[in-house]
């Protein structure tokens, strides 16, 4: 089997970064791979594929996440188990790798404490402005997803180690973090990577699509119906919002993970350049921001204790909901 050739997105310096990461991480015997809180397809796919790669190369590896795996992605557990870390469990590991996040606070309290442990922490991620302090990292903002970086890691080391399970895990991340290959983060190399994963894994795209998009419970559609009623436009129709309240969760029996994908609906309105999803989450308001224009939602989110990419970001507001909508929209209109 061949490895698809593609227009490179990685320059010589970045390729050296991969080689250095591979050399150093494989020098450790017991490694923990950790994905970020509120896990999505890219972080879980990257975590599972990386764990499989480490295992294939003689490393004793375990995977952890402080939150639960979304129901439509629990099938990844059949490839490699991801568990919640217990107290002091991290003491047994020689090194750690965090994936799809470049600041330790994104991975939970137990991971933040590792910064004072003197044990090496590695990072693989594609978000801008990484924190300092990592032993070694792979950080490429131009990559479509962290799974595209894991694919490149396999390619640099030994692409024949991509089996059906690793291929499906990485393909999941490519699909979910690119909006099914619709975002402008998709480059020719991204599609070549996807094609090669389909070939090496010997599966068709519908296998993954049906697992993550065609298995919605009825309660989720009822929640979506309520949320759609809240859609509003602001800034002369250039910014849209959608809101999800605790009352809606109680009425439908849904939880936070049932809101996955809702943010795309207000963004699809004609003339809208950017949108914000507001979700009541405990005593705070969770913000999900998306852009399909020159509006930089990463800069927007940073005004509200968040960040991410130019076209997709997340943040928090102390609330209440009405105040959050007013202040967040005012900040967005400044960019118009």
C-alpha atoms as a PDB file:
ATOM      1  CA  UNK A   1       0.000   0.000   0.000  1.00  0.00           C
ATOM      2  CA  UNK A   2       1.281   3.474  -0.786  1.00  0.00           C
ATOM      3  CA  UNK A   3       1.188   6.711   1.136  1.00  0.00           C
ATOM      4  CA  UNK A   4      -0.696   9.423  -0.745  1.00  0.00           C
ATOM      5  CA  UNK A   5       1.522  12.249  -1.903  1.00  0.00           C
ATOM      6  CA  UNK A   6       0.190  15.723  -1.293  1.00  0.00           C
ATOM      7  CA  UNK A   7       1.088  19.365  -1.372  1.00  0.00           C
ATOM      8  CA  UNK A   8       3.015  19.838   1.891  1.00  0.00           C
ATOM      9  CA  UNK A   9       1.630  21.904   4.733  1.00  0.00           C
ATOM     10  CA  UNK A  10       4.653  21.141   6.896  1.00  0.00           C
ATOM     11  CA  UNK A  11       7.929  22.962   6.281  1.00  0.00           C
ATOM     12  CA  UNK A  12      11.401  21.668   7.128  1.00  0.00           C
ATOM     13  CA  UNK A  13      11.329  23.153  10.624  1.00  0.00           C
ATOM     14  CA  UNK A  14       8.001  21.500  11.377  1.00  0.00           C
ATOM     15  CA  UNK A  15       9.210  18.143  10.056  1.00  0.00           C
ATOM     16  CA  UNK A  16      12.192  18.442  12.409  1.00  0.00           C
ATOM     17  CA  UNK A  17       9.700  19.096  15.202  1.00  0.00           C
ATOM     18  CA  UNK A  18       7.974  15.774  14.478  1.00  0.00           C
ATOM     19  CA  UNK A  19      11.271  13.866  14.448  1.00  0.00           C
ATOM     20  CA  UNK A  20      12.394  15.414  17.734  1.00  0.00           C
ATOM     21  CA  UNK A  21       9.044  14.656  19.375  1.00  0.00           C
ATOM     22  CA  UNK A  22       9.130  11.026  18.212  1.00  0.00           C
ATOM     23  CA  UNK A  23      12.685  10.500  19.410  1.00  0.00           C
ATOM     24  CA  UNK A  24      12.031  11.898  22.874  1.00  0.00           C
ATOM     25  CA  UNK A  25       8.606  10.440  23.636  1.00  0.00           C
ATOM     26  CA  UNK A  26       9.701   6.920  22.683  1.00  0.00           C
ATOM     27  CA  UNK A  27      12.478   7.109  25.280  1.00  0.00           C
ATOM     28  CA  UNK A  28       9.898   6.788  28.087  1.00  0.00           C
ATOM     29  CA  UNK A  29       8.469   3.481  29.273  1.00  0.00           C
ATOM     30  CA  UNK A  30       5.119   4.543  30.743  1.00  0.00           C
ATOM     31  CA  UNK A  31       3.174   7.448  29.217  1.00  0.00           C
ATOM     32  CA  UNK A  32      -0.274   8.932  29.884  1.00  0.00           C
ATOM     33  CA  UNK A  33      -2.157  10.540  26.982  1.00  0.00           C
ATOM     34  CA  UNK A  34      -4.718  13.128  28.077  1.00  0.00           C
ATOM     35  CA  UNK A  35      -7.486  14.829  26.072  1.00  0.00           C
ATOM     36  CA  UNK A  36      -9.210  18.095  26.948  1.00  0.00           C
ATOM     37  CA  UNK A  37     -12.341  18.620  29.014  1.00  0.00           C
ATOM     38  CA  UNK A  38     -15.695  18.321  27.203  1.00  0.00           C
ATOM     39  CA  UNK A  39     -14.071  16.016  24.629  1.00  0.00           C
ATOM     40  CA  UNK A  40     -14.911  16.222  20.941  1.00  0.00           C
ATOM     41  CA  UNK A  41     -14.124  14.080  17.923  1.00  0.00           C
ATOM     42  CA  UNK A  42     -10.733  15.600  17.215  1.00  0.00           C
ATOM     43  CA  UNK A  43      -9.300  15.311  20.714  1.00  0.00           C
ATOM     44  CA  UNK A  44     -10.637  11.776  21.221  1.00  0.00           C
ATOM     45  CA  UNK A  45      -9.580  10.601  17.771  1.00  0.00           C
ATOM     46  CA  UNK A  46      -6.105  12.048  18.304  1.00  0.00           C
ATOM     47  CA  UNK A  47      -5.871  10.546  21.780  1.00  0.00           C
ATOM     48  CA  UNK A  48      -6.850   7.054  20.661  1.00  0.00           C
ATOM     49  CA  UNK A  49      -4.671   7.110  17.526  1.00  0.00           C
ATOM     50  CA  UNK A  50      -1.659   8.399  19.471  1.00  0.00           C
ATOM     51  CA  UNK A  51      -2.173   5.812  22.214  1.00  0.00           C
ATOM     52  CA  UNK A  52      -2.272   3.053  19.605  1.00  0.00           C
ATOM     53  CA  UNK A  53       0.920   4.427  18.029  1.00  0.00           C
ATOM     54  CA  UNK A  54       2.756   4.502  21.353  1.00  0.00           C
ATOM     55  CA  UNK A  55       1.570   0.983  22.109  1.00  0.00           C
ATOM     56  CA  UNK A  56       2.792  -0.274  18.734  1.00  0.00           C
ATOM     57  CA  UNK A  57       6.200   1.187  19.509  1.00  0.00           C
ATOM     58  CA  UNK A  58       6.694  -0.521  22.851  1.00  0.00           C
ATOM     59  CA  UNK A  59       5.405   2.114  25.270  1.00  0.00           C
ATOM     60  CA  UNK A  60       3.140   1.217  28.191  1.00  0.00           C
ATOM     61  CA  UNK A  61       0.362   3.760  27.617  1.00  0.00           C
ATOM     62  CA  UNK A  62      -2.918   4.771  29.248  1.00  0.00           C
ATOM     63  CA  UNK A  63      -5.469   7.370  28.129  1.00  0.00           C
ATOM     64  CA  UNK A  64      -7.432   9.730  30.404  1.00  0.00           C
ATOM     65  CA  UNK A  65     -10.135  12.384  30.333  1.00  0.00           C
ATOM     66  CA  UNK A  66     -11.788  13.953  33.367  1.00  0.00           C
ATOM     67  CA  UNK A  67     -15.142  14.143  31.548  1.00  0.00           C
ATOM     68  CA  UNK A  68     -17.377  11.470  30.034  1.00  0.00           C
ATOM     69  CA  UNK A  69     -17.096  10.407  26.392  1.00  0.00           C
ATOM     70  CA  UNK A  70     -20.048  11.619  24.237  1.00  0.00           C
ATOM     71  CA  UNK A  71     -22.484   8.811  23.460  1.00  0.00           C
ATOM     72  CA  UNK A  72     -21.904   8.985  19.708  1.00  0.00           C
ATOM     73  CA  UNK A  73     -18.166   8.404  20.182  1.00  0.00           C
ATOM     74  CA  UNK A  74     -18.096   5.651  22.805  1.00  0.00           C
ATOM     75  CA  UNK A  75     -17.220   3.194  20.003  1.00  0.00           C
ATOM     76  CA  UNK A  76     -13.675   4.570  20.216  1.00  0.00           C
ATOM     77  CA  UNK A  77     -13.392   2.783  23.560  1.00  0.00           C
ATOM     78  CA  UNK A  78     -13.326  -0.489  21.633  1.00  0.00           C
ATOM     79  CA  UNK A  79     -10.066   0.662  20.020  1.00  0.00           C
ATOM     80  CA  UNK A  80      -8.373   1.991  23.157  1.00  0.00           C
ATOM     81  CA  UNK A  81      -9.964   2.679  26.572  1.00  0.00           C
ATOM     82  CA  UNK A  82     -10.179   6.258  27.854  1.00  0.00           C
ATOM     83  CA  UNK A  83     -10.847   6.470  31.585  1.00  0.00           C
ATOM     84  CA  UNK A  84     -11.203   9.132  34.253  1.00  0.00           C
ATOM     85  CA  UNK A  85      -8.012   9.591  36.287  1.00  0.00           C
ATOM     86  CA  UNK A  86      -8.208   8.655  39.951  1.00  0.00           C
ATOM     87  CA  UNK A  87      -6.378  10.438  42.741  1.00  0.00           C
ATOM     88  CA  UNK A  88      -2.589  10.057  42.565  1.00  0.00           C
ATOM     89  CA  UNK A  89      -2.866   7.815  39.488  1.00  0.00           C
ATOM     90  CA  UNK A  90      -0.550  10.089  37.530  1.00  0.00           C
ATOM     91  CA  UNK A  91       2.282   9.327  39.986  1.00  0.00           C
ATOM     92  CA  UNK A  92       2.955   6.058  38.157  1.00  0.00           C
ATOM     93  CA  UNK A  93       3.813   7.642  34.789  1.00  0.00           C
ATOM     94  CA  UNK A  94       7.181   8.755  33.409  1.00  0.00           C
ATOM     95  CA  UNK A  95       5.776  11.339  30.981  1.00  0.00           C
ATOM     96  CA  UNK A  96       2.519  12.859  29.759  1.00  0.00           C
ATOM     97  CA  UNK A  97       1.137  13.974  26.398  1.00  0.00           C
ATOM     98  CA  UNK A  98      -1.776  16.409  26.138  1.00  0.00           C
ATOM     99  CA  UNK A  99      -3.608  16.524  22.811  1.00  0.00           C
ATOM    100  CA  UNK A 100      -5.825  19.138  21.124  1.00  0.00           C
ATOM    101  CA  UNK A 101      -5.094  21.836  23.666  1.00  0.00           C
ATOM    102  CA  UNK A 102      -2.041  23.944  24.393  1.00  0.00           C
ATOM    103  CA  UNK A 103      -2.715  25.133  27.959  1.00  0.00           C
ATOM    104  CA  UNK A 104      -2.926  22.752  30.926  1.00  0.00           C
ATOM    105  CA  UNK A 105      -6.062  24.342  32.375  1.00  0.00           C
ATOM    106  CA  UNK A 106      -8.011  22.960  29.404  1.00  0.00           C
ATOM    107  CA  UNK A 107      -7.410  19.422  30.696  1.00  0.00           C
ATOM    108  CA  UNK A 108      -8.730  19.665  34.240  1.00  0.00           C
ATOM    109  CA  UNK A 109      -7.488  20.205  37.765  1.00  0.00           C
ATOM    110  CA  UNK A 110      -5.504  16.973  38.041  1.00  0.00           C
ATOM    111  CA  UNK A 111      -3.546  17.839  34.893  1.00  0.00           C
ATOM    112  CA  UNK A 112      -2.867  21.416  36.007  1.00  0.00           C
ATOM    113  CA  UNK A 113      -1.146  20.005  39.087  1.00  0.00           C
ATOM    114  CA  UNK A 114       1.343  18.206  36.837  1.00  0.00           C
ATOM    115  CA  UNK A 115       3.074  21.504  36.122  1.00  0.00           C
ATOM    116  CA  UNK A 116       4.742  21.242  39.510  1.00  0.00           C
ATOM    117  CA  UNK A 117       5.647  17.550  39.299  1.00  0.00           C
ATOM    118  CA  UNK A 118       8.970  17.907  37.405  1.00  0.00           C
ATOM    119  CA  UNK A 119       7.813  15.178  35.037  1.00  0.00           C
ATOM    120  CA  UNK A 120       7.959  15.954  31.297  1.00  0.00           C
ATOM    121  CA  UNK A 121       4.756  17.070  29.591  1.00  0.00           C
ATOM    122  CA  UNK A 122       4.509  16.864  25.796  1.00  0.00           C
ATOM    123  CA  UNK A 123       1.871  18.548  23.627  1.00  0.00           C
ATOM    124  CA  UNK A 124       0.306  18.004  20.182  1.00  0.00           C
ATOM    125  CA  UNK A 125      -2.120  20.696  19.070  1.00  0.00           C
ATOM    126  CA  UNK A 126      -3.185  23.063  16.286  1.00  0.00           C
ATOM    127  CA  UNK A 127      -4.493  26.050  18.262  1.00  0.00           C
ATOM    128  CA  UNK A 128      -2.623  29.381  18.325  1.00  0.00           C
ATOM    129  CA  UNK A 129      -0.610  30.864  21.190  1.00  0.00           C
ATOM    130  CA  UNK A 130       0.560  27.779  23.124  1.00  0.00           C
ATOM    131  CA  UNK A 131       1.659  28.094  26.731  1.00  0.00           C
ATOM    132  CA  UNK A 132       5.308  27.694  27.679  1.00  0.00           C
ATOM    133  CA  UNK A 133       6.701  24.852  29.730  1.00  0.00           C
ATOM    134  CA  UNK A 134       6.220  21.800  27.505  1.00  0.00           C
ATOM    135  CA  UNK A 135       9.142  19.395  27.249  1.00  0.00           C
ATOM    136  CA  UNK A 136       8.531  18.999  23.523  1.00  0.00           C
ATOM    137  CA  UNK A 137       5.593  19.890  21.329  1.00  0.00           C
ATOM    138  CA  UNK A 138       4.064  19.596  17.887  1.00  0.00           C
ATOM    139  CA  UNK A 139       2.195  22.840  17.288  1.00  0.00           C
ATOM    140  CA  UNK A 140       1.034  23.644  13.751  1.00  0.00           C
ATOM    141  CA  UNK A 141      -1.742  26.240  13.532  1.00  0.00           C
ATOM    142  CA  UNK A 142      -2.189  25.684   9.782  1.00  0.00           C
ATOM    143  CA  UNK A 143      -3.231  22.048  10.334  1.00  0.00           C
ATOM    144  CA  UNK A 144      -6.944  21.354   9.988  1.00  0.00           C
ATOM    145  CA  UNK A 145      -7.057  19.302  13.169  1.00  0.00           C
ATOM    146  CA  UNK A 146      -4.928  17.591  15.767  1.00  0.00           C
ATOM    147  CA  UNK A 147      -5.720  14.309  14.027  1.00  0.00           C
ATOM    148  CA  UNK A 148      -3.997  15.626  10.907  1.00  0.00           C
ATOM    149  CA  UNK A 149      -0.898  16.115  13.072  1.00  0.00           C
ATOM    150  CA  UNK A 150      -1.164  12.569  14.455  1.00  0.00           C
ATOM    151  CA  UNK A 151      -1.419  11.349  10.859  1.00  0.00           C
ATOM    152  CA  UNK A 152       1.791  13.226  10.054  1.00  0.00           C
ATOM    153  CA  UNK A 153       3.444  11.635  13.088  1.00  0.00           C
ATOM    154  CA  UNK A 154       2.597   8.169  11.742  1.00  0.00           C
ATOM    155  CA  UNK A 155       3.825   9.246   8.312  1.00  0.00           C
ATOM    156  CA  UNK A 156       7.154  10.507   9.690  1.00  0.00           C
ATOM    157  CA  UNK A 157       7.771   7.371  11.757  1.00  0.00           C
ATOM    158  CA  UNK A 158       6.191   4.424   9.961  1.00  0.00           C
ATOM    159  CA  UNK A 159       2.976   4.877   7.951  1.00  0.00           C
ATOM    160  CA  UNK A 160       2.496   1.105   7.786  1.00  0.00           C
ATOM    161  CA  UNK A 161       1.533   1.245  11.459  1.00  0.00           C
ATOM    162  CA  UNK A 162      -1.778   2.868  10.444  1.00  0.00           C
ATOM    163  CA  UNK A 163      -4.261   0.029  10.909  1.00  0.00           C
ATOM    164  CA  UNK A 164      -8.048   0.125  10.644  1.00  0.00           C
ATOM    165  CA  UNK A 165      -8.575   1.334  14.216  1.00  0.00           C
ATOM    166  CA  UNK A 166      -6.018   4.156  14.046  1.00  0.00           C
ATOM    167  CA  UNK A 167      -7.356   5.155  10.617  1.00  0.00           C
ATOM    168  CA  UNK A 168     -10.948   5.416  11.842  1.00  0.00           C
ATOM    169  CA  UNK A 169      -9.908   7.383  14.924  1.00  0.00           C
ATOM    170  CA  UNK A 170      -7.925   9.913  12.878  1.00  0.00           C
ATOM    171  CA  UNK A 171     -10.613  10.169  10.198  1.00  0.00           C
ATOM    172  CA  UNK A 172     -13.134  11.008  12.932  1.00  0.00           C
ATOM    173  CA  UNK A 173     -11.026  14.006  13.939  1.00  0.00           C
ATOM    174  CA  UNK A 174     -10.588  15.175  10.372  1.00  0.00           C
ATOM    175  CA  UNK A 175     -14.342  15.046   9.723  1.00  0.00           C
ATOM    176  CA  UNK A 176     -15.528  16.694  12.936  1.00  0.00           C
ATOM    177  CA  UNK A 177     -12.941  19.481  13.131  1.00  0.00           C
ATOM    178  CA  UNK A 178     -13.429  20.538   9.511  1.00  0.00           C
ATOM    179  CA  UNK A 179     -17.232  20.525   9.438  1.00  0.00           C
ATOM    180  CA  UNK A 180     -17.131  17.492   7.137  1.00  0.00           C
ATOM    181  CA  UNK A 181     -14.377  19.143   5.064  1.00  0.00           C
ATOM    182  CA  UNK A 182     -16.266  22.433   4.625  1.00  0.00           C
ATOM    183  CA  UNK A 183     -13.989  24.829   6.550  1.00  0.00           C
ATOM    184  CA  UNK A 184     -11.208  26.887   4.997  1.00  0.00           C
ATOM    185  CA  UNK A 185      -8.721  25.029   7.212  1.00  0.00           C
ATOM    186  CA  UNK A 186      -9.017  22.156   4.723  1.00  0.00           C
ATOM    187  CA  UNK A 187      -6.020  22.005   2.377  1.00  0.00           C
ATOM    188  CA  UNK A 188      -5.238  19.498  -0.391  1.00  0.00           C
ATOM    189  CA  UNK A 189      -3.003  17.704   2.124  1.00  0.00           C
ATOM    190  CA  UNK A 190      -6.014  17.275   4.432  1.00  0.00           C
ATOM    191  CA  UNK A 191      -8.019  15.506   1.760  1.00  0.00           C
ATOM    192  CA  UNK A 192      -5.035  13.373   0.764  1.00  0.00           C
ATOM    193  CA  UNK A 193      -4.684  12.347   4.413  1.00  0.00           C
ATOM    194  CA  UNK A 194      -8.391  11.454   4.579  1.00  0.00           C
ATOM    195  CA  UNK A 195      -8.151   9.407   1.383  1.00  0.00           C
ATOM    196  CA  UNK A 196      -5.119   7.532   2.671  1.00  0.00           C
ATOM    197  CA  UNK A 197      -6.864   6.766   5.960  1.00  0.00           C
ATOM    198  CA  UNK A 198      -9.880   5.396   4.098  1.00  0.00           C
ATOM    199  CA  UNK A 199      -7.595   3.186   2.040  1.00  0.00           C
ATOM    200  CA  UNK A 200      -5.439   1.942   4.886  1.00  0.00           C
ATOM    201  CA  UNK A 201      -8.425   1.425   7.178  1.00  0.00           C
ATOM    202  CA  UNK A 202     -10.467  -0.218   4.400  1.00  0.00           C
ATOM    203  CA  UNK A 203     -13.695   1.594   5.271  1.00  0.00           C
ATOM    204  CA  UNK A 204     -16.043   4.068   3.609  1.00  0.00           C
ATOM    205  CA  UNK A 205     -16.913   7.590   4.876  1.00  0.00           C
ATOM    206  CA  UNK A 206     -20.465   6.639   5.822  1.00  0.00           C
ATOM    207  CA  UNK A 207     -19.153   4.300   8.534  1.00  0.00           C
ATOM    208  CA  UNK A 208     -17.950   7.257  10.593  1.00  0.00           C
ATOM    209  CA  UNK A 209     -20.644   9.713   9.495  1.00  0.00           C
ATOM    210  CA  UNK A 210     -23.454   7.400  10.578  1.00  0.00           C
ATOM    211  CA  UNK A 211     -21.872   6.825  13.969  1.00  0.00           C
ATOM    212  CA  UNK A 212     -21.516  10.508  14.805  1.00  0.00           C
ATOM    213  CA  UNK A 213     -24.338  12.199  12.863  1.00  0.00           C
ATOM    214  CA  UNK A 214     -27.070   9.604  12.249  1.00  0.00           C
ATOM    215  CA  UNK A 215     -27.637   8.423  15.795  1.00  0.00           C
ATOM    216  CA  UNK A 216     -29.351  11.406  17.396  1.00  0.00           C
ATOM    217  CA  UNK A 217     -31.781  10.569  20.209  1.00  0.00           C
ATOM    218  CA  UNK A 218     -35.285  12.036  19.960  1.00  0.00           C
ATOM    219  CA  UNK A 219     -34.679  14.243  23.012  1.00  0.00           C
ATOM    220  CA  UNK A 220     -31.892  16.035  21.129  1.00  0.00           C
ATOM    221  CA  UNK A 221     -34.211  16.989  18.281  1.00  0.00           C
ATOM    222  CA  UNK A 222     -36.744  18.307  20.800  1.00  0.00           C
ATOM    223  CA  UNK A 223     -33.998  20.422  22.380  1.00  0.00           C
ATOM    224  CA  UNK A 224     -32.972  21.700  18.958  1.00  0.00           C
ATOM    225  CA  UNK A 225     -36.573  22.697  18.253  1.00  0.00           C
ATOM    226  CA  UNK A 226     -36.655  24.826  21.399  1.00  0.00           C
ATOM    227  CA  UNK A 227     -33.250  26.344  20.709  1.00  0.00           C
ATOM    228  CA  UNK A 228     -34.148  27.323  17.136  1.00  0.00           C
ATOM    229  CA  UNK A 229     -36.955  29.489  18.521  1.00  0.00           C
ATOM    230  CA  UNK A 230     -34.329  31.679  20.241  1.00  0.00           C
ATOM    231  CA  UNK A 231     -32.339  32.562  17.117  1.00  0.00           C
ATOM    232  CA  UNK A 232     -31.871  36.306  16.672  1.00  0.00           C
ATOM    233  CA  UNK A 233     -29.795  38.504  14.364  1.00  0.00           C
ATOM    234  CA  UNK A 234     -27.804  41.559  15.394  1.00  0.00           C
ATOM    235  CA  UNK A 235     -25.525  44.148  13.834  1.00  0.00           C
ATOM    236  CA  UNK A 236     -27.648  44.695  10.715  1.00  0.00           C
ATOM    237  CA  UNK A 237     -28.061  40.961  10.237  1.00  0.00           C
ATOM    238  CA  UNK A 238     -24.350  40.144  10.294  1.00  0.00           C
ATOM    239  CA  UNK A 239     -24.235  38.390  13.686  1.00  0.00           C
ATOM    240  CA  UNK A 240     -26.675  35.746  14.882  1.00  0.00           C
ATOM    241  CA  UNK A 241     -27.257  34.094  18.253  1.00  0.00           C
ATOM    242  CA  UNK A 242     -28.891  30.966  19.604  1.00  0.00           C
ATOM    243  CA  UNK A 243     -29.505  30.248  23.290  1.00  0.00           C
ATOM    244  CA  UNK A 244     -29.969  27.100  25.359  1.00  0.00           C
ATOM    245  CA  UNK A 245     -31.280  27.422  28.902  1.00  0.00           C
ATOM    246  CA  UNK A 246     -31.386  25.130  31.929  1.00  0.00           C
ATOM    247  CA  UNK A 247     -35.159  25.044  31.528  1.00  0.00           C
ATOM    248  CA  UNK A 248     -34.757  23.573  28.050  1.00  0.00           C
ATOM    249  CA  UNK A 249     -32.457  20.863  29.407  1.00  0.00           C
ATOM    250  CA  UNK A 250     -34.946  20.004  32.142  1.00  0.00           C
ATOM    251  CA  UNK A 251     -37.893  19.950  29.748  1.00  0.00           C
ATOM    252  CA  UNK A 252     -36.225  17.602  27.256  1.00  0.00           C
ATOM    253  CA  UNK A 253     -34.010  15.532  29.551  1.00  0.00           C
ATOM    254  CA  UNK A 254     -30.923  16.573  27.607  1.00  0.00           C
ATOM    255  CA  UNK A 255     -27.433  17.482  28.745  1.00  0.00           C
ATOM    256  CA  UNK A 256     -24.551  19.556  27.402  1.00  0.00           C
ATOM    257  CA  UNK A 257     -23.326  16.992  24.905  1.00  0.00           C
ATOM    258  CA  UNK A 258     -26.734  17.030  23.186  1.00  0.00           C
ATOM    259  CA  UNK A 259     -26.000  20.575  21.956  1.00  0.00           C
ATOM    260  CA  UNK A 260     -23.203  19.413  19.648  1.00  0.00           C
ATOM    261  CA  UNK A 261     -23.633  20.973  16.200  1.00  0.00           C
ATOM    262  CA  UNK A 262     -26.348  23.453  17.197  1.00  0.00           C
ATOM    263  CA  UNK A 263     -24.046  26.422  16.559  1.00  0.00           C
ATOM    264  CA  UNK A 264     -24.098  25.760  12.813  1.00  0.00           C
ATOM    265  CA  UNK A 265     -27.789  26.637  12.485  1.00  0.00           C
ATOM    266  CA  UNK A 266     -27.576  30.394  13.198  1.00  0.00           C
ATOM    267  CA  UNK A 267     -24.391  30.547  11.113  1.00  0.00           C
ATOM    268  CA  UNK A 268     -26.316  29.248   8.073  1.00  0.00           C
ATOM    269  CA  UNK A 269     -28.605  32.303   7.954  1.00  0.00           C
ATOM    270  CA  UNK A 270     -28.214  34.386   4.805  1.00  0.00           C
ATOM    271  CA  UNK A 271     -25.982  37.408   5.353  1.00  0.00           C
ATOM    272  CA  UNK A 272     -24.624  36.247   8.723  1.00  0.00           C
ATOM    273  CA  UNK A 273     -20.854  36.579   9.109  1.00  0.00           C
ATOM    274  CA  UNK A 274     -20.500  35.152  12.625  1.00  0.00           C
ATOM    275  CA  UNK A 275     -22.628  33.603  15.343  1.00  0.00           C
ATOM    276  CA  UNK A 276     -22.589  32.797  19.038  1.00  0.00           C
ATOM    277  CA  UNK A 277     -24.243  29.942  20.901  1.00  0.00           C
ATOM    278  CA  UNK A 278     -25.065  30.789  24.536  1.00  0.00           C
ATOM    279  CA  UNK A 279     -25.580  27.819  26.856  1.00  0.00           C
ATOM    280  CA  UNK A 280     -26.413  28.000  30.555  1.00  0.00           C
ATOM    281  CA  UNK A 281     -23.818  25.759  32.193  1.00  0.00           C
ATOM    282  CA  UNK A 282     -23.997  25.711  35.979  1.00  0.00           C
ATOM    283  CA  UNK A 283     -23.581  29.266  37.232  1.00  0.00           C
ATOM    284  CA  UNK A 284     -21.935  30.475  34.026  1.00  0.00           C
ATOM    285  CA  UNK A 285     -22.736  30.889  30.350  1.00  0.00           C
ATOM    286  CA  UNK A 286     -20.741  28.795  27.880  1.00  0.00           C
ATOM    287  CA  UNK A 287     -20.055  30.602  24.602  1.00  0.00           C
ATOM    288  CA  UNK A 288     -19.378  28.889  21.274  1.00  0.00           C
ATOM    289  CA  UNK A 289     -18.373  31.286  18.507  1.00  0.00           C
ATOM    290  CA  UNK A 290     -18.165  30.614  14.771  1.00  0.00           C
ATOM    291  CA  UNK A 291     -17.216  32.773  11.796  1.00  0.00           C
ATOM    292  CA  UNK A 292     -17.499  32.459   8.029  1.00  0.00           C
ATOM    293  CA  UNK A 293     -15.931  35.831   7.257  1.00  0.00           C
ATOM    294  CA  UNK A 294     -12.991  38.000   8.269  1.00  0.00           C
ATOM    295  CA  UNK A 295     -14.399  38.316  11.802  1.00  0.00           C
ATOM    296  CA  UNK A 296     -11.776  36.720  14.092  1.00  0.00           C
ATOM    297  CA  UNK A 297     -13.708  34.874  16.796  1.00  0.00           C
ATOM    298  CA  UNK A 298     -10.468  33.900  18.532  1.00  0.00           C
ATOM    299  CA  UNK A 299      -9.859  37.583  19.341  1.00  0.00           C
ATOM    300  CA  UNK A 300     -13.520  37.954  20.224  1.00  0.00           C
ATOM    301  CA  UNK A 301     -13.443  34.979  22.604  1.00  0.00           C
ATOM    302  CA  UNK A 302     -10.304  36.216  24.343  1.00  0.00           C
ATOM    303  CA  UNK A 303     -12.317  39.146  25.673  1.00  0.00           C
ATOM    304  CA  UNK A 304     -14.391  36.596  27.604  1.00  0.00           C
ATOM    305  CA  UNK A 305     -11.806  34.227  29.111  1.00  0.00           C
ATOM    306  CA  UNK A 306     -11.593  32.032  26.047  1.00  0.00           C
ATOM    307  CA  UNK A 307      -9.921  31.487  22.719  1.00  0.00           C
ATOM    308  CA  UNK A 308      -9.501  29.049  19.861  1.00  0.00           C
ATOM    309  CA  UNK A 309      -9.201  29.571  16.120  1.00  0.00           C
ATOM    310  CA  UNK A 310     -10.001  32.495  13.847  1.00  0.00           C
ATOM    311  CA  UNK A 311     -13.156  30.720  12.644  1.00  0.00           C
ATOM    312  CA  UNK A 312     -14.101  28.721  15.758  1.00  0.00           C
ATOM    313  CA  UNK A 313     -13.597  29.537  19.432  1.00  0.00           C
ATOM    314  CA  UNK A 314     -15.094  29.109  22.883  1.00  0.00           C
ATOM    315  CA  UNK A 315     -15.375  31.308  25.968  1.00  0.00           C
ATOM    316  CA  UNK A 316     -17.244  31.899  29.229  1.00  0.00           C
ATOM    317  CA  UNK A 317     -19.384  34.685  30.677  1.00  0.00           C
ATOM    318  CA  UNK A 318     -20.413  34.981  34.307  1.00  0.00           C
ATOM    319  CA  UNK A 319     -24.028  35.646  33.278  1.00  0.00           C
ATOM    320  CA  UNK A 320     -26.909  36.009  33.581  1.00  0.00           C
ATOM    321  CA  UNK A 321     -27.909  35.047  30.051  1.00  0.00           C
ATOM    322  CA  UNK A 322     -29.419  38.379  29.051  1.00  0.00           C
ATOM    323  CA  UNK A 323     -26.315  40.259  30.176  1.00  0.00           C
ATOM    324  CA  UNK A 324     -24.064  37.774  28.410  1.00  0.00           C
ATOM    325  CA  UNK A 325     -25.891  38.233  25.103  1.00  0.00           C
ATOM    326  CA  UNK A 326     -25.733  42.019  25.374  1.00  0.00           C
ATOM    327  CA  UNK A 327     -22.037  42.248  26.257  1.00  0.00           C
ATOM    328  CA  UNK A 328     -20.837  39.557  23.864  1.00  0.00           C
ATOM    329  CA  UNK A 329     -22.752  41.001  20.922  1.00  0.00           C
ATOM    330  CA  UNK A 330     -21.461  44.510  21.669  1.00  0.00           C
ATOM    331  CA  UNK A 331     -17.921  43.140  21.532  1.00  0.00           C
ATOM    332  CA  UNK A 332     -18.661  41.376  18.249  1.00  0.00           C
ATOM    333  CA  UNK A 333     -20.152  44.447  16.591  1.00  0.00           C
ATOM    334  CA  UNK A 334     -16.857  46.242  17.226  1.00  0.00           C
ATOM    335  CA  UNK A 335     -15.257  43.876  14.688  1.00  0.00           C
ATOM    336  CA  UNK A 336     -17.799  44.496  11.941  1.00  0.00           C
END
